């Protein structure tokens, strides 16, 4: 099994300016790993990564209790994702219905 770092190196693309451009799969994988670390496997079953657009990660949450947990831990989630991806461009997490 490949490590996350190997997958990240393969999937990361650079723009003309040399800035790293992340694709949905890479951001989704990193977000899921962070959610497992914070909330465990039960949290991941109730929180689904739906979209990565304009440097925001959109999450679909199935139960209101998990929506509250995500809102309370939003800063921690974002900082851990940024650290995992080694990229500070991610602006935030948005919740969709």
PDB file of N, CA and C in Angstrom:
ATOM      1  N   UNK A   1       0.838  -1.173   0.000  1.00  0.00           N
ATOM      2  CA  UNK A   1       0.000   0.000   0.000  1.00  0.00           C
ATOM      3  C   UNK A   1       0.888   1.243   0.000  1.00  0.00           C
ATOM      4  N   UNK A   2       0.549   2.192  -0.831  1.00  0.00           N
ATOM      5  CA  UNK A   2       1.322   3.420  -0.907  1.00  0.00           C
ATOM      6  C   UNK A   2       0.999   4.320   0.273  1.00  0.00           C
ATOM      7  N   UNK A   3       1.994   5.076   0.698  1.00  0.00           N
ATOM      8  CA  UNK A   3       1.768   6.016   1.786  1.00  0.00           C
ATOM      9  C   UNK A   3       1.076   7.267   1.235  1.00  0.00           C
ATOM     10  N   UNK A   4       0.495   8.035   2.143  1.00  0.00           N
ATOM     11  CA  UNK A   4      -0.177   9.258   1.736  1.00  0.00           C
ATOM     12  C   UNK A   4       0.794  10.214   1.050  1.00  0.00           C
ATOM     13  N   UNK A   5       2.026  10.279   1.534  1.00  0.00           N
ATOM     14  CA  UNK A   5       3.025  11.172   0.949  1.00  0.00           C
ATOM     15  C   UNK A   5       3.313  10.801  -0.500  1.00  0.00           C
ATOM     16  N   UNK A   6       3.374   9.503  -0.810  1.00  0.00           N
ATOM     17  CA  UNK A   6       3.615   9.066  -2.181  1.00  0.00           C
ATOM     18  C   UNK A   6       2.449   9.445  -3.093  1.00  0.00           C
ATOM     19  N   UNK A   7       1.239   9.250  -2.598  1.00  0.00           N
ATOM     20  CA  UNK A   7       0.055   9.612  -3.375  1.00  0.00           C
ATOM     21  C   UNK A   7       0.020  11.118  -3.604  1.00  0.00           C
ATOM     22  N   UNK A   8       0.345  11.882  -2.563  1.00  0.00           N
ATOM     23  CA  UNK A   8       0.331  13.335  -2.662  1.00  0.00           C
ATOM     24  C   UNK A   8       1.335  13.829  -3.701  1.00  0.00           C
ATOM     25  N   UNK A   9       2.534  13.281  -3.696  1.00  0.00           N
ATOM     26  CA  UNK A   9       3.544  13.694  -4.665  1.00  0.00           C
ATOM     27  C   UNK A   9       3.096  13.424  -6.092  1.00  0.00           C
ATOM     28  N   UNK A  10       2.420  12.293  -6.295  1.00  0.00           N
ATOM     29  CA  UNK A  10       1.979  11.920  -7.631  1.00  0.00           C
ATOM     30  C   UNK A  10       0.817  12.787  -8.116  1.00  0.00           C
ATOM     31  N   UNK A  11      -0.091  13.155  -7.216  1.00  0.00           N
ATOM     32  CA  UNK A  11      -1.320  13.829  -7.611  1.00  0.00           C
ATOM     33  C   UNK A  11      -1.235  15.350  -7.582  1.00  0.00           C
ATOM     34  N   UNK A  12      -0.230  15.911  -6.924  1.00  0.00           N
ATOM     35  CA  UNK A  12      -0.120  17.369  -6.829  1.00  0.00           C
ATOM     36  C   UNK A  12       0.363  17.920  -8.163  1.00  0.00           C
ATOM     37  N   UNK A  13      -0.318  18.974  -8.583  1.00  0.00           N
ATOM     38  CA  UNK A  13       0.055  19.640  -9.839  1.00  0.00           C
ATOM     39  C   UNK A  13       0.509  21.051  -9.519  1.00  0.00           C
ATOM     40  N   UNK A  14       1.403  21.551 -10.322  1.00  0.00           N
ATOM     41  CA  UNK A  14       1.878  22.922 -10.128  1.00  0.00           C
ATOM     42  C   UNK A  14       1.343  23.796 -11.252  1.00  0.00           C
ATOM     43  N   UNK A  15       0.935  25.007 -10.858  1.00  0.00           N
ATOM     44  CA  UNK A  15       0.501  25.978 -11.842  1.00  0.00           C
ATOM     45  C   UNK A  15       1.732  26.641 -12.438  1.00  0.00           C
ATOM     46  N   UNK A  16       1.523  27.516 -13.415  1.00  0.00           N
ATOM     47  CA  UNK A  16       2.637  28.204 -14.058  1.00  0.00           C
ATOM     48  C   UNK A  16       3.447  29.043 -13.071  1.00  0.00           C
ATOM     49  N   UNK A  17       2.796  29.552 -12.037  1.00  0.00           N
ATOM     50  CA  UNK A  17       3.488  30.383 -11.052  1.00  0.00           C
ATOM     51  C   UNK A  17       4.323  29.558 -10.074  1.00  0.00           C
ATOM     52  N   UNK A  18       4.238  28.230 -10.166  1.00  0.00           N
ATOM     53  CA  UNK A  18       4.966  27.366  -9.251  1.00  0.00           C
ATOM     54  C   UNK A  18       4.166  27.015  -8.014  1.00  0.00           C
ATOM     55  N   UNK A  19       2.973  27.569  -7.915  1.00  0.00           N
ATOM     56  CA  UNK A  19       2.100  27.317  -6.776  1.00  0.00           C
ATOM     57  C   UNK A  19       1.454  25.947  -6.934  1.00  0.00           C
ATOM     58  N   UNK A  20       1.321  25.227  -5.840  1.00  0.00           N
ATOM     59  CA  UNK A  20       0.746  23.886  -5.881  1.00  0.00           C
ATOM     60  C   UNK A  20      -0.768  23.979  -6.047  1.00  0.00           C
ATOM     61  N   UNK A  21      -1.296  23.182  -6.975  1.00  0.00           N
ATOM     62  CA  UNK A  21      -2.740  23.106  -7.182  1.00  0.00           C
ATOM     63  C   UNK A  21      -3.190  21.697  -6.795  1.00  0.00           C
ATOM     64  N   UNK A  22      -4.113  21.617  -5.860  1.00  0.00           N
ATOM     65  CA  UNK A  22      -4.576  20.333  -5.354  1.00  0.00           C
ATOM     66  C   UNK A  22      -5.819  19.888  -6.107  1.00  0.00           C
ATOM     67  N   UNK A  23      -5.949  18.590  -6.297  1.00  0.00           N
ATOM     68  CA  UNK A  23      -7.156  18.053  -6.921  1.00  0.00           C
ATOM     69  C   UNK A  23      -8.104  17.526  -5.840  1.00  0.00           C
ATOM     70  N   UNK A  24      -9.317  17.218  -6.238  1.00  0.00           N
ATOM     71  CA  UNK A  24     -10.355  16.799  -5.298  1.00  0.00           C
ATOM     72  C   UNK A  24      -9.964  15.532  -4.542  1.00  0.00           C
ATOM     73  N   UNK A  25      -9.423  14.544  -5.245  1.00  0.00           N
ATOM     74  CA  UNK A  25      -9.090  13.273  -4.601  1.00  0.00           C
ATOM     75  C   UNK A  25      -8.088  13.465  -3.459  1.00  0.00           C
ATOM     76  N   UNK A  26      -7.065  14.250  -3.685  1.00  0.00           N
ATOM     77  CA  UNK A  26      -6.030  14.477  -2.677  1.00  0.00           C
ATOM     78  C   UNK A  26      -6.608  15.197  -1.460  1.00  0.00           C
ATOM     79  N   UNK A  27      -7.413  16.226  -1.708  1.00  0.00           N
ATOM     80  CA  UNK A  27      -8.025  16.972  -0.609  1.00  0.00           C
ATOM     81  C   UNK A  27      -9.012  16.089   0.147  1.00  0.00           C
ATOM     82  N   UNK A  28      -9.774  15.274  -0.584  1.00  0.00           N
ATOM     83  CA  UNK A  28     -10.745  14.376   0.045  1.00  0.00           C
ATOM     84  C   UNK A  28     -10.042  13.377   0.958  1.00  0.00           C
ATOM     85  N   UNK A  29      -8.976  12.774   0.471  1.00  0.00           N
ATOM     86  CA  UNK A  29      -8.227  11.781   1.252  1.00  0.00           C
ATOM     87  C   UNK A  29      -7.643  12.410   2.517  1.00  0.00           C
ATOM     88  N   UNK A  30      -7.054  13.588   2.382  1.00  0.00           N
ATOM     89  CA  UNK A  30      -6.472  14.270   3.541  1.00  0.00           C
ATOM     90  C   UNK A  30      -7.554  14.651   4.545  1.00  0.00           C
ATOM     91  N   UNK A  31      -8.700  15.129   4.054  1.00  0.00           N
ATOM     92  CA  UNK A  31      -9.798  15.520   4.928  1.00  0.00           C
ATOM     93  C   UNK A  31     -10.353  14.313   5.672  1.00  0.00           C
ATOM     94  N   UNK A  32     -10.526  13.203   4.975  1.00  0.00           N
ATOM     95  CA  UNK A  32     -11.020  11.988   5.627  1.00  0.00           C
ATOM     96  C   UNK A  32     -10.053  11.498   6.691  1.00  0.00           C
ATOM     97  N   UNK A  33      -8.760  11.567   6.412  1.00  0.00           N
ATOM     98  CA  UNK A  33      -7.762  11.153   7.400  1.00  0.00           C
ATOM     99  C   UNK A  33      -7.823  12.034   8.647  1.00  0.00           C
ATOM    100  N   UNK A  34      -7.994  13.333   8.445  1.00  0.00           N
ATOM    101  CA  UNK A  34      -8.090  14.262   9.571  1.00  0.00           C
ATOM    102  C   UNK A  34      -9.375  14.019  10.359  1.00  0.00           C
ATOM    103  N   UNK A  35     -10.481  13.778   9.658  1.00  0.00           N
ATOM    104  CA  UNK A  35     -11.750  13.514  10.342  1.00  0.00           C
ATOM    105  C   UNK A  35     -11.684  12.237  11.170  1.00  0.00           C
ATOM    106  N   UNK A  36     -11.001  11.213  10.660  1.00  0.00           N
ATOM    107  CA  UNK A  36     -10.821   9.976  11.429  1.00  0.00           C
ATOM    108  C   UNK A  36      -9.992  10.264  12.677  1.00  0.00           C
ATOM    109  N   UNK A  37      -8.959  11.065  12.541  1.00  0.00           N
ATOM    110  CA  UNK A  37      -8.098  11.390  13.681  1.00  0.00           C
ATOM    111  C   UNK A  37      -8.863  12.169  14.755  1.00  0.00           C
ATOM    112  N   UNK A  38      -9.765  13.046  14.343  1.00  0.00           N
ATOM    113  CA  UNK A  38     -10.485  13.882  15.306  1.00  0.00           C
ATOM    114  C   UNK A  38     -11.732  13.188  15.848  1.00  0.00           C
ATOM    115  N   UNK A  39     -12.547  12.620  14.955  1.00  0.00           N
ATOM    116  CA  UNK A  39     -13.856  12.091  15.342  1.00  0.00           C
ATOM    117  C   UNK A  39     -13.946  10.571  15.359  1.00  0.00           C
ATOM    118  N   UNK A  40     -12.977   9.889  14.810  1.00  0.00           N
ATOM    119  CA  UNK A  40     -13.027   8.433  14.745  1.00  0.00           C
ATOM    120  C   UNK A  40     -13.837   7.957  13.541  1.00  0.00           C
ATOM    121  N   UNK A  41     -13.953   6.648  13.413  1.00  0.00           N
ATOM    122  CA  UNK A  41     -14.642   6.061  12.257  1.00  0.00           C
ATOM    123  C   UNK A  41     -16.136   6.366  12.254  1.00  0.00           C
ATOM    124  N   UNK A  42     -16.737   6.528  13.421  1.00  0.00           N
ATOM    125  CA  UNK A  42     -18.160   6.854  13.484  1.00  0.00           C
ATOM    126  C   UNK A  42     -18.412   8.241  12.896  1.00  0.00           C
ATOM    127  N   UNK A  43     -17.525   9.171  13.168  1.00  0.00           N
ATOM    128  CA  UNK A  43     -17.661  10.519  12.614  1.00  0.00           C
ATOM    129  C   UNK A  43     -17.588  10.521  11.108  1.00  0.00           C
ATOM    130  N   UNK A  44     -16.695   9.736  10.556  1.00  0.00           N
ATOM    131  CA  UNK A  44     -16.526   9.681   9.103  1.00  0.00           C
ATOM    132  C   UNK A  44     -17.756   9.080   8.428  1.00  0.00           C
ATOM    133  N   UNK A  45     -18.444   8.183   9.111  1.00  0.00           N
ATOM    134  CA  UNK A  45     -19.672   7.609   8.545  1.00  0.00           C
ATOM    135  C   UNK A  45     -20.773   8.654   8.439  1.00  0.00           C
ATOM    136  N   UNK A  46     -20.721   9.684   9.275  1.00  0.00           N
ATOM    137  CA  UNK A  46     -21.749  10.717   9.296  1.00  0.00           C
ATOM    138  C   UNK A  46     -21.331  12.015   8.617  1.00  0.00           C
ATOM    139  N   UNK A  47     -20.077  12.099   8.213  1.00  0.00           N
ATOM    140  CA  UNK A  47     -19.551  13.303   7.553  1.00  0.00           C
ATOM    141  C   UNK A  47     -18.939  12.865   6.227  1.00  0.00           C
ATOM    142  N   UNK A  48     -19.372  13.491   5.146  1.00  0.00           N
ATOM    143  CA  UNK A  48     -18.918  13.093   3.819  1.00  0.00           C
ATOM    144  C   UNK A  48     -18.352  14.301   3.076  1.00  0.00           C
ATOM    145  N   UNK A  49     -17.176  14.139   2.489  1.00  0.00           N
ATOM    146  CA  UNK A  49     -16.568  15.200   1.682  1.00  0.00           C
ATOM    147  C   UNK A  49     -17.234  15.168   0.308  1.00  0.00           C
ATOM    148  N   UNK A  50     -17.858  16.275  -0.076  1.00  0.00           N
ATOM    149  CA  UNK A  50     -18.612  16.320  -1.325  1.00  0.00           C
ATOM    150  C   UNK A  50     -17.911  17.094  -2.428  1.00  0.00           C
ATOM    151  N   UNK A  51     -17.190  18.157  -2.067  1.00  0.00           N
ATOM    152  CA  UNK A  51     -16.678  19.055  -3.090  1.00  0.00           C
ATOM    153  C   UNK A  51     -15.483  19.829  -2.557  1.00  0.00           C
ATOM    154  N   UNK A  52     -14.566  20.153  -3.460  1.00  0.00           N
ATOM    155  CA  UNK A  52     -13.472  21.067  -3.156  1.00  0.00           C
ATOM    156  C   UNK A  52     -13.464  22.113  -4.254  1.00  0.00           C
ATOM    157  N   UNK A  53     -13.851  23.331  -3.884  1.00  0.00           N
ATOM    158  CA  UNK A  53     -13.990  24.386  -4.884  1.00  0.00           C
ATOM    159  C   UNK A  53     -13.589  25.721  -4.273  1.00  0.00           C
ATOM    160  N   UNK A  54     -12.844  26.509  -5.014  1.00  0.00           N
ATOM    161  CA  UNK A  54     -12.416  27.846  -4.584  1.00  0.00           C
ATOM    162  C   UNK A  54     -11.746  27.820  -3.212  1.00  0.00           C
ATOM    163  N   UNK A  55     -10.939  26.799  -2.978  1.00  0.00           N
ATOM    164  CA  UNK A  55     -10.181  26.615  -1.740  1.00  0.00           C
ATOM    165  C   UNK A  55     -11.058  26.387  -0.504  1.00  0.00           C
ATOM    166  N   UNK A  56     -12.289  25.966  -0.706  1.00  0.00           N
ATOM    167  CA  UNK A  56     -13.174  25.569   0.388  1.00  0.00           C
ATOM    168  C   UNK A  56     -13.503  24.093   0.246  1.00  0.00           C
ATOM    169  N   UNK A  57     -13.600  23.416   1.375  1.00  0.00           N
ATOM    170  CA  UNK A  57     -13.999  22.015   1.405  1.00  0.00           C
ATOM    171  C   UNK A  57     -15.459  21.973   1.847  1.00  0.00           C
ATOM    172  N   UNK A  58     -16.296  21.340   1.035  1.00  0.00           N
ATOM    173  CA  UNK A  58     -17.718  21.246   1.326  1.00  0.00           C
ATOM    174  C   UNK A  58     -18.027  19.861   1.890  1.00  0.00           C
ATOM    175  N   UNK A  59     -18.649  19.854   3.071  1.00  0.00           N
ATOM    176  CA  UNK A  59     -18.974  18.618   3.752  1.00  0.00           C
ATOM    177  C   UNK A  59     -20.482  18.438   3.828  1.00  0.00           C
ATOM    178  N   UNK A  60     -20.935  17.209   3.613  1.00  0.00           N
ATOM    179  CA  UNK A  60     -22.331  16.868   3.829  1.00  0.00           C
ATOM    180  C   UNK A  60     -22.385  16.109   5.149  1.00  0.00           C
ATOM    181  N   UNK A  61     -23.252  16.579   6.044  1.00  0.00           N
ATOM    182  CA  UNK A  61     -23.346  15.989   7.371  1.00  0.00           C
ATOM    183  C   UNK A  61     -24.754  15.450   7.554  1.00  0.00           C
ATOM    184  N   UNK A  62     -24.839  14.206   8.010  1.00  0.00           N
ATOM    185  CA  UNK A  62     -26.118  13.511   8.057  1.00  0.00           C
ATOM    186  C   UNK A  62     -26.887  13.682   9.370  1.00  0.00           C
ATOM    187  N   UNK A  63     -26.220  14.041  10.453  1.00  0.00           N
ATOM    188  CA  UNK A  63     -26.898  14.217  11.738  1.00  0.00           C
ATOM    189  C   UNK A  63     -26.485  15.550  12.349  1.00  0.00           C
ATOM    190  N   UNK A  64     -27.438  16.196  12.996  1.00  0.00           N
ATOM    191  CA  UNK A  64     -27.191  17.532  13.537  1.00  0.00           C
ATOM    192  C   UNK A  64     -26.103  17.551  14.611  1.00  0.00           C
ATOM    193  N   UNK A  65     -25.957  16.488  15.348  1.00  0.00           N
ATOM    194  CA  UNK A  65     -24.921  16.435  16.384  1.00  0.00           C
ATOM    195  C   UNK A  65     -23.529  16.543  15.760  1.00  0.00           C
ATOM    196  N   UNK A  66     -23.351  15.949  14.604  1.00  0.00           N
ATOM    197  CA  UNK A  66     -22.058  16.019  13.915  1.00  0.00           C
ATOM    198  C   UNK A  66     -21.843  17.395  13.305  1.00  0.00           C
ATOM    199  N   UNK A  67     -22.915  18.057  12.910  1.00  0.00           N
ATOM    200  CA  UNK A  67     -22.795  19.431  12.409  1.00  0.00           C
ATOM    201  C   UNK A  67     -22.254  20.334  13.516  1.00  0.00           C
ATOM    202  N   UNK A  68     -22.770  20.149  14.719  1.00  0.00           N
ATOM    203  CA  UNK A  68     -22.297  20.919  15.867  1.00  0.00           C
ATOM    204  C   UNK A  68     -20.825  20.621  16.148  1.00  0.00           C
ATOM    205  N   UNK A  69     -20.464  19.353  16.099  1.00  0.00           N
ATOM    206  CA  UNK A  69     -19.067  18.966  16.345  1.00  0.00           C
ATOM    207  C   UNK A  69     -18.128  19.585  15.304  1.00  0.00           C
ATOM    208  N   UNK A  70     -18.536  19.561  14.052  1.00  0.00           N
ATOM    209  CA  UNK A  70     -17.702  20.153  12.993  1.00  0.00           C
ATOM    210  C   UNK A  70     -17.576  21.657  13.210  1.00  0.00           C
ATOM    211  N   UNK A  71     -18.671  22.326  13.541  1.00  0.00           N
ATOM    212  CA  UNK A  71     -18.615  23.768  13.781  1.00  0.00           C
ATOM    213  C   UNK A  71     -17.716  24.112  14.964  1.00  0.00           C
ATOM    214  N   UNK A  72     -17.763  23.326  16.015  1.00  0.00           N
ATOM    215  CA  UNK A  72     -16.926  23.578  17.184  1.00  0.00           C
ATOM    216  C   UNK A  72     -15.443  23.335  16.907  1.00  0.00           C
ATOM    217  N   UNK A  73     -15.157  22.394  16.027  1.00  0.00           N
ATOM    218  CA  UNK A  73     -13.768  22.013  15.738  1.00  0.00           C
ATOM    219  C   UNK A  73     -13.283  22.502  14.373  1.00  0.00           C
ATOM    220  N   UNK A  74     -13.979  23.464  13.796  1.00  0.00           N
ATOM    221  CA  UNK A  74     -13.662  23.948  12.443  1.00  0.00           C
ATOM    222  C   UNK A  74     -12.209  24.407  12.314  1.00  0.00           C
ATOM    223  N   UNK A  75     -11.736  25.199  13.234  1.00  0.00           N
ATOM    224  CA  UNK A  75     -10.353  25.697  13.179  1.00  0.00           C
ATOM    225  C   UNK A  75      -9.331  24.576  13.254  1.00  0.00           C
ATOM    226  N   UNK A  76      -9.582  23.614  14.126  1.00  0.00           N
ATOM    227  CA  UNK A  76      -8.684  22.465  14.261  1.00  0.00           C
ATOM    228  C   UNK A  76      -8.672  21.636  12.978  1.00  0.00           C
ATOM    229  N   UNK A  77      -9.837  21.422  12.402  1.00  0.00           N
ATOM    230  CA  UNK A  77      -9.938  20.643  11.160  1.00  0.00           C
ATOM    231  C   UNK A  77      -9.142  21.315  10.044  1.00  0.00           C
ATOM    232  N   UNK A  78      -9.339  22.613   9.881  1.00  0.00           N
ATOM    233  CA  UNK A  78      -8.655  23.343   8.810  1.00  0.00           C
ATOM    234  C   UNK A  78      -7.144  23.317   9.018  1.00  0.00           C
ATOM    235  N   UNK A  79      -6.695  23.589  10.233  1.00  0.00           N
ATOM    236  CA  UNK A  79      -5.249  23.622  10.478  1.00  0.00           C
ATOM    237  C   UNK A  79      -4.600  22.255  10.257  1.00  0.00           C
ATOM    238  N   UNK A  80      -5.292  21.171  10.653  1.00  0.00           N
ATOM    239  CA  UNK A  80      -4.726  19.835  10.438  1.00  0.00           C
ATOM    240  C   UNK A  80      -4.703  19.461   8.958  1.00  0.00           C
ATOM    241  N   UNK A  81      -5.723  19.874   8.211  1.00  0.00           N
ATOM    242  CA  UNK A  81      -5.724  19.607   6.764  1.00  0.00           C
ATOM    243  C   UNK A  81      -4.592  20.379   6.097  1.00  0.00           C
ATOM    244  N   UNK A  82      -4.436  21.645   6.466  1.00  0.00           N
ATOM    245  CA  UNK A  82      -3.351  22.448   5.896  1.00  0.00           C
ATOM    246  C   UNK A  82      -1.986  21.837   6.210  1.00  0.00           C
ATOM    247  N   UNK A  83      -1.828  21.371   7.424  1.00  0.00           N
ATOM    248  CA  UNK A  83      -0.565  20.747   7.823  1.00  0.00           C
ATOM    249  C   UNK A  83      -0.339  19.448   7.047  1.00  0.00           C
ATOM    250  N   UNK A  84      -1.394  18.657   6.902  1.00  0.00           N
ATOM    251  CA  UNK A  84      -1.297  17.365   6.196  1.00  0.00           C
ATOM    252  C   UNK A  84      -0.940  17.565   4.728  1.00  0.00           C
ATOM    253  N   UNK A  85      -1.547  18.572   4.096  1.00  0.00           N
ATOM    254  CA  UNK A  85      -1.288  18.839   2.676  1.00  0.00           C
ATOM    255  C   UNK A  85      -0.078  19.735   2.451  1.00  0.00           C
ATOM    256  N   UNK A  86       0.432  20.318   3.525  1.00  0.00           N
ATOM    257  CA  UNK A  86       1.541  21.277   3.428  1.00  0.00           C
ATOM    258  C   UNK A  86       1.173  22.410   2.486  1.00  0.00           C
ATOM    259  N   UNK A  87      -0.058  22.918   2.680  1.00  0.00           N
ATOM    260  CA  UNK A  87      -0.599  23.953   1.806  1.00  0.00           C
ATOM    261  C   UNK A  87      -1.532  24.834   2.622  1.00  0.00           C
ATOM    262  N   UNK A  88      -1.288  26.125   2.638  1.00  0.00           N
ATOM    263  CA  UNK A  88      -2.088  27.063   3.433  1.00  0.00           C
ATOM    264  C   UNK A  88      -3.214  27.704   2.626  1.00  0.00           C
ATOM    265  N   UNK A  89      -3.452  27.257   1.402  1.00  0.00           N
ATOM    266  CA  UNK A  89      -4.468  27.873   0.550  1.00  0.00           C
ATOM    267  C   UNK A  89      -5.898  27.524   0.952  1.00  0.00           C
ATOM    268  N   UNK A  90      -6.095  26.474   1.697  1.00  0.00           N
ATOM    269  CA  UNK A  90      -7.447  26.073   2.073  1.00  0.00           C
ATOM    270  C   UNK A  90      -8.009  27.106   3.040  1.00  0.00           C
ATOM    271  N   UNK A  91      -9.103  27.742   2.625  1.00  0.00           N
ATOM    272  CA  UNK A  91      -9.683  28.844   3.398  1.00  0.00           C
ATOM    273  C   UNK A  91     -10.620  28.368   4.496  1.00  0.00           C
ATOM    274  N   UNK A  92     -11.331  27.273   4.256  1.00  0.00           N
ATOM    275  CA  UNK A  92     -12.269  26.848   5.271  1.00  0.00           C
ATOM    276  C   UNK A  92     -13.081  25.635   4.886  1.00  0.00           C
ATOM    277  N   UNK A  93     -13.991  25.317   5.788  1.00  0.00           N
ATOM    278  CA  UNK A  93     -14.895  24.186   5.613  1.00  0.00           C
ATOM    279  C   UNK A  93     -16.313  24.744   5.596  1.00  0.00           C
ATOM    280  N   UNK A  94     -17.087  24.324   4.613  1.00  0.00           N
ATOM    281  CA  UNK A  94     -18.487  24.726   4.527  1.00  0.00           C
ATOM    282  C   UNK A  94     -19.364  23.498   4.585  1.00  0.00           C
ATOM    283  N   UNK A  95     -20.511  23.668   5.228  1.00  0.00           N
ATOM    284  CA  UNK A  95     -21.447  22.561   5.382  1.00  0.00           C
ATOM    285  C   UNK A  95     -22.599  22.739   4.399  1.00  0.00           C
ATOM    286  N   UNK A  96     -22.891  21.673   3.658  1.00  0.00           N
ATOM    287  CA  UNK A  96     -24.007  21.709   2.700  1.00  0.00           C
ATOM    288  C   UNK A  96     -25.058  20.707   3.139  1.00  0.00           C
ATOM    289  N   UNK A  97     -26.259  20.878   2.603  1.00  0.00           N
ATOM    290  CA  UNK A  97     -27.353  19.952   2.937  1.00  0.00           C
ATOM    291  C   UNK A  97     -27.461  18.859   1.942  1.00  0.00           C
TER     292      UNK A  97
END
